[in-house]
Amino acid sequence: QVQFVESGGGVVQAGGSLRLSCALSGSAFSIHTMGWFRQTPGNQRELVAGISRGADTNYADSVQGRFTISRDNAKNTVYLQMNSLKPEDTAVYYCAARVAWNGEYDYWGQGTQVTVSS
């Protein structure tokens, strides 16, 4: 099993920045890919960014150029630096991890609220 500790959410004005952190414990050694998802009420959870153990990254088009995902394998921690935030970035952000290099994510954090005011 993998446990998550997420932090860094909050309220910020449009144009501002936030940094989310997610520390894994437990069987974190088995994790290949980590990612951040977000969800708003009434909508499906969507992938924001993902990063492999080898630091290959992918981003949703809506955040490309504004968000940066990074990973510290020694600390089993993944980060999401969010710059130039927009009100439409408001959502609950979830950290996730999977054992395989592709496919569905196996483990999920509890989520942290990000609110961007206009």
PDB file of N, CA and C in Angstrom:
ATOM      1  N   GLN A   1       0.830  -1.200   0.000  1.00  0.00           N
ATOM      2  CA  GLN A   1       0.000   0.000   0.000  1.00  0.00           C
ATOM      3  C   GLN A   1       0.863   1.247   0.000  1.00  0.00           C
ATOM      4  N   VAL A   2       0.274   2.318  -0.511  1.00  0.00           N
ATOM      5  CA  VAL A   2       0.960   3.605  -0.581  1.00  0.00           C
ATOM      6  C   VAL A   2       0.106   4.641   0.132  1.00  0.00           C
ATOM      7  N   GLN A   3       0.743   5.436   0.946  1.00  0.00           N
ATOM      8  CA  GLN A   3       0.044   6.525   1.631  1.00  0.00           C
ATOM      9  C   GLN A   3       0.565   7.863   1.100  1.00  0.00           C
ATOM     10  N   PHE A   4      -0.343   8.857   1.113  1.00  0.00           N
ATOM     11  CA  PHE A   4      -0.008  10.178   0.580  1.00  0.00           C
ATOM     12  C   PHE A   4      -0.165  11.245   1.649  1.00  0.00           C
ATOM     13  N   VAL A   5       0.704  12.242   1.597  1.00  0.00           N
ATOM     14  CA  VAL A   5       0.511  13.466   2.373  1.00  0.00           C
ATOM     15  C   VAL A   5       0.607  14.624   1.400  1.00  0.00           C
ATOM     16  N   GLU A   6      -0.544  15.242   1.129  1.00  0.00           N
ATOM     17  CA  GLU A   6      -0.594  16.357   0.190  1.00  0.00           C
ATOM     18  C   GLU A   6      -0.587  17.675   0.952  1.00  0.00           C
ATOM     19  N   SER A   7       0.005  18.690   0.354  1.00  0.00           N
ATOM     20  CA  SER A   7       0.005  20.010   0.966  1.00  0.00           C
ATOM     21  C   SER A   7       0.168  21.071  -0.119  1.00  0.00           C
ATOM     22  N   GLY A   8      -0.131  22.311   0.254  1.00  0.00           N
ATOM     23  CA  GLY A   8       0.132  23.431  -0.633  1.00  0.00           C
ATOM     24  C   GLY A   8      -1.081  24.080  -1.255  1.00  0.00           C
ATOM     25  N   GLY A   9      -2.250  23.516  -1.068  1.00  0.00           N
ATOM     26  CA  GLY A   9      -3.438  24.141  -1.627  1.00  0.00           C
ATOM     27  C   GLY A   9      -3.786  25.414  -0.881  1.00  0.00           C
ATOM     28  N   GLY A  10      -4.736  26.170  -1.420  1.00  0.00           N
ATOM     29  CA  GLY A  10      -5.163  27.393  -0.763  1.00  0.00           C
ATOM     30  C   GLY A  10      -5.892  28.313  -1.721  1.00  0.00           C
ATOM     31  N   VAL A  11      -5.971  29.570  -1.311  1.00  0.00           N
ATOM     32  CA  VAL A  11      -6.654  30.594  -2.105  1.00  0.00           C
ATOM     33  C   VAL A  11      -5.615  31.576  -2.619  1.00  0.00           C
ATOM     34  N   VAL A  12      -5.705  31.906  -3.900  1.00  0.00           N
ATOM     35  CA  VAL A  12      -4.758  32.824  -4.517  1.00  0.00           C
ATOM     36  C   VAL A  12      -5.501  33.662  -5.546  1.00  0.00           C
ATOM     37  N   GLN A  13      -5.004  34.864  -5.781  1.00  0.00           N
ATOM     38  CA  GLN A  13      -5.615  35.712  -6.806  1.00  0.00           C
ATOM     39  C   GLN A  13      -5.156  35.276  -8.195  1.00  0.00           C
ATOM     40  N   ALA A  14      -5.969  35.578  -9.174  1.00  0.00           N
ATOM     41  CA  ALA A  14      -5.610  35.286 -10.555  1.00  0.00           C
ATOM     42  C   ALA A  14      -4.254  35.904 -10.885  1.00  0.00           C
ATOM     43  N   GLY A  15      -3.437  35.127 -11.578  1.00  0.00           N
ATOM     44  CA  GLY A  15      -2.087  35.567 -11.899  1.00  0.00           C
ATOM     45  C   GLY A  15      -1.052  35.138 -10.881  1.00  0.00           C
ATOM     46  N   GLY A  16      -1.502  34.651  -9.759  1.00  0.00           N
ATOM     47  CA  GLY A  16      -0.588  34.228  -8.709  1.00  0.00           C
ATOM     48  C   GLY A  16      -0.077  32.811  -8.902  1.00  0.00           C
ATOM     49  N   SER A  17       0.650  32.336  -7.893  1.00  0.00           N
ATOM     50  CA  SER A  17       1.282  31.019  -7.961  1.00  0.00           C
ATOM     51  C   SER A  17       1.018  30.219  -6.694  1.00  0.00           C
ATOM     52  N   LEU A  18       1.010  28.920  -6.860  1.00  0.00           N
ATOM     53  CA  LEU A  18       0.953  27.981  -5.749  1.00  0.00           C
ATOM     54  C   LEU A  18       1.827  26.790  -6.080  1.00  0.00           C
ATOM     55  N   ARG A  19       2.317  26.132  -5.035  1.00  0.00           N
ATOM     56  CA  ARG A  19       3.097  24.912  -5.235  1.00  0.00           C
ATOM     57  C   ARG A  19       2.488  23.807  -4.396  1.00  0.00           C
ATOM     58  N   LEU A  20       2.078  22.746  -5.056  1.00  0.00           N
ATOM     59  CA  LEU A  20       1.543  21.583  -4.373  1.00  0.00           C
ATOM     60  C   LEU A  20       2.651  20.556  -4.171  1.00  0.00           C
ATOM     61  N   SER A  21       2.589  19.871  -3.033  1.00  0.00           N
ATOM     62  CA  SER A  21       3.528  18.802  -2.737  1.00  0.00           C
ATOM     63  C   SER A  21       2.765  17.545  -2.359  1.00  0.00           C
ATOM     64  N   CYS A  22       3.347  16.419  -2.670  1.00  0.00           N
ATOM     65  CA  CYS A  22       2.735  15.138  -2.334  1.00  0.00           C
ATOM     66  C   CYS A  22       3.840  14.162  -1.979  1.00  0.00           C
ATOM     67  N   ALA A  23       3.899  13.784  -0.708  1.00  0.00           N
ATOM     68  CA  ALA A  23       4.908  12.845  -0.237  1.00  0.00           C
ATOM     69  C   ALA A  23       4.287  11.463  -0.090  1.00  0.00           C
ATOM     70  N   LEU A  24       4.962  10.469  -0.650  1.00  0.00           N
ATOM     71  CA  LEU A  24       4.483   9.098  -0.578  1.00  0.00           C
ATOM     72  C   LEU A  24       5.248   8.316   0.472  1.00  0.00           C
ATOM     73  N   SER A  25       4.556   7.385   1.090  1.00  0.00           N
ATOM     74  CA  SER A  25       5.199   6.474   2.024  1.00  0.00           C
ATOM     75  C   SER A  25       4.611   5.081   1.804  1.00  0.00           C
ATOM     76  N   GLY A  26       5.129   4.124   2.527  1.00  0.00           N
ATOM     77  CA  GLY A  26       4.673   2.753   2.331  1.00  0.00           C
ATOM     78  C   GLY A  26       5.461   2.114   1.210  1.00  0.00           C
ATOM     79  N   SER A  27       4.784   1.529   0.261  1.00  0.00           N
ATOM     80  CA  SER A  27       5.442   0.826  -0.851  1.00  0.00           C
ATOM     81  C   SER A  27       5.775   1.780  -1.988  1.00  0.00           C
ATOM     82  N   ALA A  28       6.315   2.952  -1.641  1.00  0.00           N
ATOM     83  CA  ALA A  28       6.588   3.966  -2.652  1.00  0.00           C
ATOM     84  C   ALA A  28       7.647   3.510  -3.648  1.00  0.00           C
ATOM     85  N   PHE A  29       8.492   2.548  -3.263  1.00  0.00           N
ATOM     86  CA  PHE A  29       9.559   2.066  -4.141  1.00  0.00           C
ATOM     87  C   PHE A  29       8.992   1.415  -5.404  1.00  0.00           C
ATOM     88  N   SER A  30       7.742   0.981  -5.329  1.00  0.00           N
ATOM     89  CA  SER A  30       7.130   0.285  -6.459  1.00  0.00           C
ATOM     90  C   SER A  30       6.528   1.226  -7.497  1.00  0.00           C
ATOM     91  N   ILE A  31       6.532   2.508  -7.192  1.00  0.00           N
ATOM     92  CA  ILE A  31       5.837   3.465  -8.044  1.00  0.00           C
ATOM     93  C   ILE A  31       6.670   3.857  -9.252  1.00  0.00           C
ATOM     94  N   HIS A  32       6.053   3.797 -10.439  1.00  0.00           N
ATOM     95  CA  HIS A  32       6.749   4.236 -11.648  1.00  0.00           C
ATOM     96  C   HIS A  32       6.354   5.659 -12.037  1.00  0.00           C
ATOM     97  N   THR A  33       5.056   5.903 -12.081  1.00  0.00           N
ATOM     98  CA  THR A  33       4.568   7.192 -12.563  1.00  0.00           C
ATOM     99  C   THR A  33       3.741   7.879 -11.481  1.00  0.00           C
ATOM    100  N   MET A  34       3.924   9.177 -11.359  1.00  0.00           N
ATOM    101  CA  MET A  34       3.128   9.976 -10.431  1.00  0.00           C
ATOM    102  C   MET A  34       2.457  11.096 -11.207  1.00  0.00           C
ATOM    103  N   GLY A  35       1.328  11.520 -10.711  1.00  0.00           N
ATOM    104  CA  GLY A  35       0.608  12.555 -11.446  1.00  0.00           C
ATOM    105  C   GLY A  35      -0.261  13.402 -10.546  1.00  0.00           C
ATOM    106  N   TRP A  36      -0.732  14.472 -11.115  1.00  0.00           N
ATOM    107  CA  TRP A  36      -1.716  15.346 -10.477  1.00  0.00           C
ATOM    108  C   TRP A  36      -2.960  15.388 -11.347  1.00  0.00           C
ATOM    109  N   PHE A  37      -4.077  15.206 -10.701  1.00  0.00           N
ATOM    110  CA  PHE A  37      -5.379  15.318 -11.352  1.00  0.00           C
ATOM    111  C   PHE A  37      -6.151  16.447 -10.665  1.00  0.00           C
ATOM    112  N   ARG A  38      -7.222  16.903 -11.305  1.00  0.00           N
ATOM    113  CA  ARG A  38      -8.105  17.861 -10.655  1.00  0.00           C
ATOM    114  C   ARG A  38      -9.550  17.570 -11.022  1.00  0.00           C
ATOM    115  N   GLN A  39     -10.429  18.017 -10.145  1.00  0.00           N
ATOM    116  CA  GLN A  39     -11.852  17.766 -10.349  1.00  0.00           C
ATOM    117  C   GLN A  39     -12.663  18.925  -9.814  1.00  0.00           C
ATOM    118  N   THR A  40     -13.663  19.322 -10.580  1.00  0.00           N
ATOM    119  CA  THR A  40     -14.625  20.337 -10.152  1.00  0.00           C
ATOM    120  C   THR A  40     -15.993  19.673 -10.023  1.00  0.00           C
ATOM    121  N   PRO A  41     -16.878  20.247  -9.245  1.00  0.00           N
ATOM    122  CA  PRO A  41     -18.192  19.629  -9.031  1.00  0.00           C
ATOM    123  C   PRO A  41     -18.929  19.357 -10.329  1.00  0.00           C
ATOM    124  N   GLY A  42     -19.425  18.143 -10.467  1.00  0.00           N
ATOM    125  CA  GLY A  42     -20.197  17.776 -11.641  1.00  0.00           C
ATOM    126  C   GLY A  42     -19.368  17.360 -12.838  1.00  0.00           C
ATOM    127  N   ASN A  43     -18.051  17.386 -12.685  1.00  0.00           N
ATOM    128  CA  ASN A  43     -17.166  17.036 -13.801  1.00  0.00           C
ATOM    129  C   ASN A  43     -16.288  15.841 -13.439  1.00  0.00           C
ATOM    130  N   GLN A  44     -15.788  15.207 -14.482  1.00  0.00           N
ATOM    131  CA  GLN A  44     -14.890  14.080 -14.266  1.00  0.00           C
ATOM    132  C   GLN A  44     -13.513  14.578 -13.849  1.00  0.00           C
ATOM    133  N   ARG A  45     -12.816  13.720 -13.150  1.00  0.00           N
ATOM    134  CA  ARG A  45     -11.444  14.031 -12.781  1.00  0.00           C
ATOM    135  C   ARG A  45     -10.594  14.042 -14.053  1.00  0.00           C
ATOM    136  N   GLU A  46      -9.732  15.055 -14.179  1.00  0.00           N
ATOM    137  CA  GLU A  46      -8.900  15.155 -15.370  1.00  0.00           C
ATOM    138  C   GLU A  46      -7.427  15.188 -14.999  1.00  0.00           C
ATOM    139  N   LEU A  47      -6.616  14.616 -15.865  1.00  0.00           N
ATOM    140  CA  LEU A  47      -5.177  14.629 -15.644  1.00  0.00           C
ATOM    141  C   LEU A  47      -4.634  16.025 -15.909  1.00  0.00           C
ATOM    142  N   VAL A  48      -3.877  16.544 -14.967  1.00  0.00           N
ATOM    143  CA  VAL A  48      -3.219  17.839 -15.119  1.00  0.00           C
ATOM    144  C   VAL A  48      -1.801  17.639 -15.631  1.00  0.00           C
ATOM    145  N   ALA A  49      -1.064  16.742 -14.984  1.00  0.00           N
ATOM    146  CA  ALA A  49       0.322  16.489 -15.371  1.00  0.00           C
ATOM    147  C   ALA A  49       0.758  15.150 -14.804  1.00  0.00           C
ATOM    148  N   GLY A  50       1.687  14.519 -15.500  1.00  0.00           N
ATOM    149  CA  GLY A  50       2.248  13.262 -15.035  1.00  0.00           C
ATOM    150  C   GLY A  50       3.747  13.261 -15.223  1.00  0.00           C
ATOM    151  N   ILE A  51       4.430  12.443 -14.409  1.00  0.00           N
ATOM    152  CA  ILE A  51       5.881  12.350 -14.503  1.00  0.00           C
ATOM    153  C   ILE A  51       6.300  10.922 -14.205  1.00  0.00           C
ATOM    154  N   SER A  52       7.150  10.383 -15.049  1.00  0.00           N
ATOM    155  CA  SER A  52       7.622   9.021 -14.867  1.00  0.00           C
ATOM    156  C   SER A  52       8.826   8.993 -13.927  1.00  0.00           C
ATOM    157  N   ARG A  53       9.251   7.804 -13.590  1.00  0.00           N
ATOM    158  CA  ARG A  53      10.422   7.662 -12.732  1.00  0.00           C
ATOM    159  C   ARG A  53      11.644   8.265 -13.412  1.00  0.00           C
ATOM    160  N   GLY A  54      11.675   8.220 -14.724  1.00  0.00           N
ATOM    161  CA  GLY A  54      12.778   8.797 -15.484  1.00  0.00           C
ATOM    162  C   GLY A  54      12.600  10.262 -15.820  1.00  0.00           C
ATOM    163  N   ALA A  55      11.574  10.886 -15.239  1.00  0.00           N
ATOM    164  CA  ALA A  55      11.308  12.322 -15.373  1.00  0.00           C
ATOM    165  C   ALA A  55      10.719  12.724 -16.721  1.00  0.00           C
ATOM    166  N   ASP A  56      10.186  11.785 -17.470  1.00  0.00           N
ATOM    167  CA  ASP A  56       9.394  12.157 -18.637  1.00  0.00           C
ATOM    168  C   ASP A  56       8.075  12.739 -18.158  1.00  0.00           C
ATOM    169  N   THR A  57       7.675  13.855 -18.752  1.00  0.00           N
ATOM    170  CA  THR A  57       6.483  14.545 -18.291  1.00  0.00           C
ATOM    171  C   THR A  57       5.437  14.699 -19.397  1.00  0.00           C
ATOM    172  N   ASN A  58       4.210  14.867 -18.989  1.00  0.00           N
ATOM    173  CA  ASN A  58       3.149  15.216 -19.917  1.00  0.00           C
ATOM    174  C   ASN A  58       2.176  16.135 -19.198  1.00  0.00           C
ATOM    175  N   TYR A  59       1.541  17.019 -19.961  1.00  0.00           N
ATOM    176  CA  TYR A  59       0.659  18.037 -19.401  1.00  0.00           C
ATOM    177  C   TYR A  59      -0.644  18.134 -20.188  1.00  0.00           C
ATOM    178  N   ALA A  60      -1.690  18.529 -19.491  1.00  0.00           N
ATOM    179  CA  ALA A  60      -2.922  18.899 -20.170  1.00  0.00           C
ATOM    180  C   ALA A  60      -2.668  20.179 -20.959  1.00  0.00           C
ATOM    181  N   ASP A  61      -3.333  20.298 -22.090  1.00  0.00           N
ATOM    182  CA  ASP A  61      -3.141  21.491 -22.924  1.00  0.00           C
ATOM    183  C   ASP A  61      -3.455  22.765 -22.148  1.00  0.00           C
ATOM    184  N   SER A  62      -4.415  22.686 -21.261  1.00  0.00           N
ATOM    185  CA  SER A  62      -4.883  23.874 -20.548  1.00  0.00           C
ATOM    186  C   SER A  62      -3.860  24.433 -19.557  1.00  0.00           C
ATOM    187  N   VAL A  63      -2.859  23.629 -19.193  1.00  0.00           N
ATOM    188  CA  VAL A  63      -1.871  24.093 -18.212  1.00  0.00           C
ATOM    189  C   VAL A  63      -0.467  24.166 -18.787  1.00  0.00           C
ATOM    190  N   GLN A  64      -0.304  23.695 -20.027  1.00  0.00           N
ATOM    191  CA  GLN A  64       1.021  23.694 -20.671  1.00  0.00           C
ATOM    192  C   GLN A  64       1.612  25.101 -20.636  1.00  0.00           C
ATOM    193  N   GLY A  65       2.847  25.188 -20.178  1.00  0.00           N
ATOM    194  CA  GLY A  65       3.523  26.470 -20.119  1.00  0.00           C
ATOM    195  C   GLY A  65       3.290  27.254 -18.848  1.00  0.00           C
ATOM    196  N   ARG A  66       2.317  26.839 -18.047  1.00  0.00           N
ATOM    197  CA  ARG A  66       2.031  27.518 -16.774  1.00  0.00           C
ATOM    198  C   ARG A  66       2.362  26.642 -15.566  1.00  0.00           C
ATOM    199  N   PHE A  67       2.152  25.348 -15.695  1.00  0.00           N
ATOM    200  CA  PHE A  67       2.393  24.409 -14.603  1.00  0.00           C
ATOM    201  C   PHE A  67       3.640  23.584 -14.896  1.00  0.00           C
ATOM    202  N   THR A  68       4.338  23.218 -13.829  1.00  0.00           N
ATOM    203  CA  THR A  68       5.511  22.351 -13.957  1.00  0.00           C
ATOM    204  C   THR A  68       5.436  21.251 -12.916  1.00  0.00           C
ATOM    205  N   ILE A  69       5.521  20.011 -13.368  1.00  0.00           N
ATOM    206  CA  ILE A  69       5.560  18.877 -12.451  1.00  0.00           C
ATOM    207  C   ILE A  69       7.009  18.439 -12.291  1.00  0.00           C
ATOM    208  N   SER A  70       7.379  18.091 -11.072  1.00  0.00           N
ATOM    209  CA  SER A  70       8.726  17.601 -10.812  1.00  0.00           C
ATOM    210  C   SER A  70       8.653  16.527  -9.736  1.00  0.00           C
ATOM    211  N   ARG A  71       9.765  15.853  -9.576  1.00  0.00           N
ATOM    212  CA  ARG A  71       9.756  14.687  -8.692  1.00  0.00           C
ATOM    213  C   ARG A  71      11.116  14.540  -8.050  1.00  0.00           C
ATOM    214  N   ASP A  72      11.110  14.216  -6.765  1.00  0.00           N
ATOM    215  CA  ASP A  72      12.321  13.915  -6.024  1.00  0.00           C
ATOM    216  C   ASP A  72      12.214  12.445  -5.603  1.00  0.00           C
ATOM    217  N   ASN A  73      12.877  11.579  -6.344  1.00  0.00           N
ATOM    218  CA  ASN A  73      12.758  10.143  -6.071  1.00  0.00           C
ATOM    219  C   ASN A  73      13.344   9.767  -4.706  1.00  0.00           C
ATOM    220  N   ALA A  74      14.366  10.480  -4.284  1.00  0.00           N
ATOM    221  CA  ALA A  74      14.975  10.178  -2.988  1.00  0.00           C
ATOM    222  C   ALA A  74      14.005  10.463  -1.843  1.00  0.00           C
ATOM    223  N   LYS A  75      13.147  11.446  -2.036  1.00  0.00           N
ATOM    224  CA  LYS A  75      12.181  11.815  -1.001  1.00  0.00           C
ATOM    225  C   LYS A  75      10.791  11.250  -1.295  1.00  0.00           C
ATOM    226  N   ASN A  76      10.660  10.524  -2.409  1.00  0.00           N
ATOM    227  CA  ASN A  76       9.346   9.987  -2.806  1.00  0.00           C
ATOM    228  C   ASN A  76       8.288  11.082  -2.820  1.00  0.00           C
ATOM    229  N   THR A  77       8.647  12.197  -3.396  1.00  0.00           N
ATOM    230  CA  THR A  77       7.770  13.360  -3.385  1.00  0.00           C
ATOM    231  C   THR A  77       7.604  13.901  -4.803  1.00  0.00           C
ATOM    232  N   VAL A  78       6.380  14.302  -5.121  1.00  0.00           N
ATOM    233  CA  VAL A  78       6.097  14.940  -6.401  1.00  0.00           C
ATOM    234  C   VAL A  78       5.545  16.332  -6.127  1.00  0.00           C
ATOM    235  N   TYR A  79       5.899  17.254  -6.995  1.00  0.00           N
ATOM    236  CA  TYR A  79       5.503  18.652  -6.840  1.00  0.00           C
ATOM    237  C   TYR A  79       4.746  19.117  -8.082  1.00  0.00           C
ATOM    238  N   LEU A  80       3.901  20.109  -7.874  1.00  0.00           N
ATOM    239  CA  LEU A  80       3.253  20.779  -8.994  1.00  0.00           C
ATOM    240  C   LEU A  80       3.365  22.281  -8.756  1.00  0.00           C
ATOM    241  N   GLN A  81       4.229  22.914  -9.530  1.00  0.00           N
ATOM    242  CA  GLN A  81       4.367  24.369  -9.475  1.00  0.00           C
ATOM    243  C   GLN A  81       3.357  24.974 -10.427  1.00  0.00           C
ATOM    244  N   MET A  82       2.462  25.786  -9.907  1.00  0.00           N
ATOM    245  CA  MET A  82       1.394  26.379 -10.705  1.00  0.00           C
ATOM    246  C   MET A  82       1.578  27.890 -10.761  1.00  0.00           C
ATOM    247  N   ASN A  83       1.843  28.407 -11.940  1.00  0.00           N
ATOM    248  CA  ASN A  83       2.039  29.831 -12.147  1.00  0.00           C
ATOM    249  C   ASN A  83       0.930  30.389 -13.040  1.00  0.00           C
ATOM    250  N   SER A  84       0.802  31.692 -13.032  1.00  0.00           N
ATOM    251  CA  SER A  84      -0.203  32.378 -13.863  1.00  0.00           C
ATOM    252  C   SER A  84      -1.572  31.724 -13.705  1.00  0.00           C
ATOM    253  N   LEU A  85      -1.949  31.526 -12.476  1.00  0.00           N
ATOM    254  CA  LEU A  85      -3.201  30.829 -12.200  1.00  0.00           C
ATOM    255  C   LEU A  85      -4.410  31.614 -12.685  1.00  0.00           C
ATOM    256  N   LYS A  86      -5.404  30.867 -13.127  1.00  0.00           N
ATOM    257  CA  LYS A  86      -6.639  31.447 -13.650  1.00  0.00           C
ATOM    258  C   LYS A  86      -7.822  30.939 -12.804  1.00  0.00           C
ATOM    259  N   PRO A  87      -8.915  31.671 -12.784  1.00  0.00           N
ATOM    260  CA  PRO A  87     -10.082  31.187 -12.028  1.00  0.00           C
ATOM    261  C   PRO A  87     -10.522  29.785 -12.462  1.00  0.00           C
ATOM    262  N   GLU A  88     -10.349  29.456 -13.727  1.00  0.00           N
ATOM    263  CA  GLU A  88     -10.759  28.125 -14.197  1.00  0.00           C
ATOM    264  C   GLU A  88      -9.839  27.015 -13.707  1.00  0.00           C
ATOM    265  N   ASP A  89      -8.749  27.359 -13.039  1.00  0.00           N
ATOM    266  CA  ASP A  89      -7.902  26.348 -12.409  1.00  0.00           C
ATOM    267  C   ASP A  89      -8.443  25.925 -11.052  1.00  0.00           C
ATOM    268  N   THR A  90      -9.464  26.611 -10.574  1.00  0.00           N
ATOM    269  CA  THR A  90     -10.073  26.264  -9.294  1.00  0.00           C
ATOM    270  C   THR A  90     -10.626  24.845  -9.333  1.00  0.00           C
ATOM    271  N   ALA A  91     -10.197  24.023  -8.378  1.00  0.00           N
ATOM    272  CA  ALA A  91     -10.590  22.619  -8.349  1.00  0.00           C
ATOM    273  C   ALA A  91      -9.993  21.965  -7.107  1.00  0.00           C
ATOM    274  N   VAL A  92     -10.405  20.743  -6.865  1.00  0.00           N
ATOM    275  CA  VAL A  92      -9.704  19.893  -5.913  1.00  0.00           C
ATOM    276  C   VAL A  92      -8.628  19.155  -6.695  1.00  0.00           C
ATOM    277  N   TYR A  93      -7.406  19.252  -6.229  1.00  0.00           N
ATOM    278  CA  TYR A  93      -6.278  18.621  -6.898  1.00  0.00           C
ATOM    279  C   TYR A  93      -5.888  17.349  -6.141  1.00  0.00           C
ATOM    280  N   TYR A  94      -5.715  16.281  -6.898  1.00  0.00           N
ATOM    281  CA  TYR A  94      -5.393  14.982  -6.325  1.00  0.00           C
ATOM    282  C   TYR A  94      -4.035  14.507  -6.831  1.00  0.00           C
ATOM    283  N   CYS A  95      -3.251  14.014  -5.908  1.00  0.00           N
ATOM    284  CA  CYS A  95      -2.012  13.328  -6.254  1.00  0.00           C
ATOM    285  C   CYS A  95      -2.347  11.862  -6.521  1.00  0.00           C
ATOM    286  N   ALA A  96      -1.664  11.268  -7.482  1.00  0.00           N
ATOM    287  CA  ALA A  96      -1.920   9.874  -7.818  1.00  0.00           C
ATOM    288  C   ALA A  96      -0.620   9.189  -8.205  1.00  0.00           C
ATOM    289  N   ALA A  97      -0.641   7.873  -8.129  1.00  0.00           N
ATOM    290  CA  ALA A  97       0.557   7.099  -8.454  1.00  0.00           C
ATOM    291  C   ALA A  97       0.157   5.763  -9.058  1.00  0.00           C
ATOM    292  N   ARG A  98       1.024   5.260  -9.918  1.00  0.00           N
ATOM    293  CA  ARG A  98       0.773   3.935 -10.478  1.00  0.00           C
ATOM    294  C   ARG A  98       2.069   3.151 -10.546  1.00  0.00           C
ATOM    295  N   VAL A  99       1.916   1.851 -10.519  1.00  0.00           N
ATOM    296  CA  VAL A  99       3.061   0.964 -10.533  1.00  0.00           C
ATOM    297  C   VAL A  99       3.581   0.772 -11.955  1.00  0.00           C
ATOM    298  N   ALA A 100       2.675   0.658 -12.901  1.00  0.00           N
ATOM    299  CA  ALA A 100       3.067   0.430 -14.292  1.00  0.00           C
ATOM    300  C   ALA A 100       3.459   1.739 -14.958  1.00  0.00           C
ATOM    301  N   TRP A 101       4.128   1.644 -16.101  1.00  0.00           N
ATOM    302  CA  TRP A 101       4.554   2.838 -16.821  1.00  0.00           C
ATOM    303  C   TRP A 101       3.399   3.466 -17.580  1.00  0.00           C
ATOM    304  N   ASN A 102       2.294   2.712 -17.741  1.00  0.00           N
ATOM    305  CA  ASN A 102       1.109   3.279 -18.379  1.00  0.00           C
ATOM    306  C   ASN A 102      -0.139   2.640 -17.788  1.00  0.00           C
ATOM    307  N   GLY A 103      -1.290   3.101 -18.222  1.00  0.00           N
ATOM    308  CA  GLY A 103      -2.536   2.525 -17.725  1.00  0.00           C
ATOM    309  C   GLY A 103      -3.150   3.331 -16.606  1.00  0.00           C
ATOM    310  N   GLU A 104      -4.060   2.704 -15.887  1.00  0.00           N
ATOM    311  CA  GLU A 104      -4.791   3.379 -14.821  1.00  0.00           C
ATOM    312  C   GLU A 104      -3.878   3.623 -13.613  1.00  0.00           C
ATOM    313  N   TYR A 105      -4.218   4.695 -12.878  1.00  0.00           N
ATOM    314  CA  TYR A 105      -3.494   4.967 -11.651  1.00  0.00           C
ATOM    315  C   TYR A 105      -4.029   4.061 -10.532  1.00  0.00           C
ATOM    316  N   ASP A 106      -3.107   3.616  -9.692  1.00  0.00           N
ATOM    317  CA  ASP A 106      -3.452   2.633  -8.672  1.00  0.00           C
ATOM    318  C   ASP A 106      -3.801   3.257  -7.324  1.00  0.00           C
ATOM    319  N   TYR A 107      -3.166   4.365  -7.006  1.00  0.00           N
ATOM    320  CA  TYR A 107      -3.296   4.957  -5.684  1.00  0.00           C
ATOM    321  C   TYR A 107      -3.624   6.442  -5.808  1.00  0.00           C
ATOM    322  N   TRP A 108      -4.417   6.932  -4.824  1.00  0.00           N
ATOM    323  CA  TRP A 108      -4.892   8.313  -4.875  1.00  0.00           C
ATOM    324  C   TRP A 108      -4.741   8.986  -3.518  1.00  0.00           C
ATOM    325  N   GLY A 109      -4.362  10.269  -3.555  1.00  0.00           N
ATOM    326  CA  GLY A 109      -4.340  11.066  -2.341  1.00  0.00           C
ATOM    327  C   GLY A 109      -5.729  11.555  -1.991  1.00  0.00           C
ATOM    328  N   GLN A 110      -5.823  12.292  -0.887  1.00  0.00           N
ATOM    329  CA  GLN A 110      -7.120  12.736  -0.384  1.00  0.00           C
ATOM    330  C   GLN A 110      -7.609  14.010  -1.051  1.00  0.00           C
ATOM    331  N   GLY A 111      -6.745  14.699  -1.743  1.00  0.00           N
ATOM    332  CA  GLY A 111      -7.124  15.914  -2.454  1.00  0.00           C
ATOM    333  C   GLY A 111      -6.873  17.171  -1.643  1.00  0.00           C
ATOM    334  N   THR A 112      -6.555  18.233  -2.354  1.00  0.00           N
ATOM    335  CA  THR A 112      -6.345  19.533  -1.718  1.00  0.00           C
ATOM    336  C   THR A 112      -7.022  20.602  -2.579  1.00  0.00           C
ATOM    337  N   GLN A 113      -7.714  21.522  -1.916  1.00  0.00           N
ATOM    338  CA  GLN A 113      -8.482  22.532  -2.641  1.00  0.00           C
ATOM    339  C   GLN A 113      -7.585  23.678  -3.099  1.00  0.00           C
ATOM    340  N   VAL A 114      -7.737  24.038  -4.358  1.00  0.00           N
ATOM    341  CA  VAL A 114      -7.089  25.229  -4.920  1.00  0.00           C
ATOM    342  C   VAL A 114      -8.191  26.152  -5.416  1.00  0.00           C
ATOM    343  N   THR A 115      -8.187  27.367  -4.922  1.00  0.00           N
ATOM    344  CA  THR A 115      -9.187  28.343  -5.327  1.00  0.00           C
ATOM    345  C   THR A 115      -8.485  29.581  -5.864  1.00  0.00           C
ATOM    346  N   VAL A 116      -8.828  29.968  -7.087  1.00  0.00           N
ATOM    347  CA  VAL A 116      -8.239  31.129  -7.722  1.00  0.00           C
ATOM    348  C   VAL A 116      -9.331  32.177  -7.884  1.00  0.00           C
ATOM    349  N   SER A 117      -9.150  33.305  -7.217  1.00  0.00           N
ATOM    350  CA  SER A 117     -10.157  34.358  -7.262  1.00  0.00           C
ATOM    351  C   SER A 117      -9.831  35.342  -8.377  1.00  0.00           C
ATOM    352  N   SER A 118     -10.882  35.890  -8.958  1.00  0.00           N
ATOM    353  CA  SER A 118     -10.690  36.829 -10.075  1.00  0.00           C
ATOM    354  C   SER A 118     -10.575  38.254  -9.585  1.00  0.00           C
TER     355      SER A 118
END
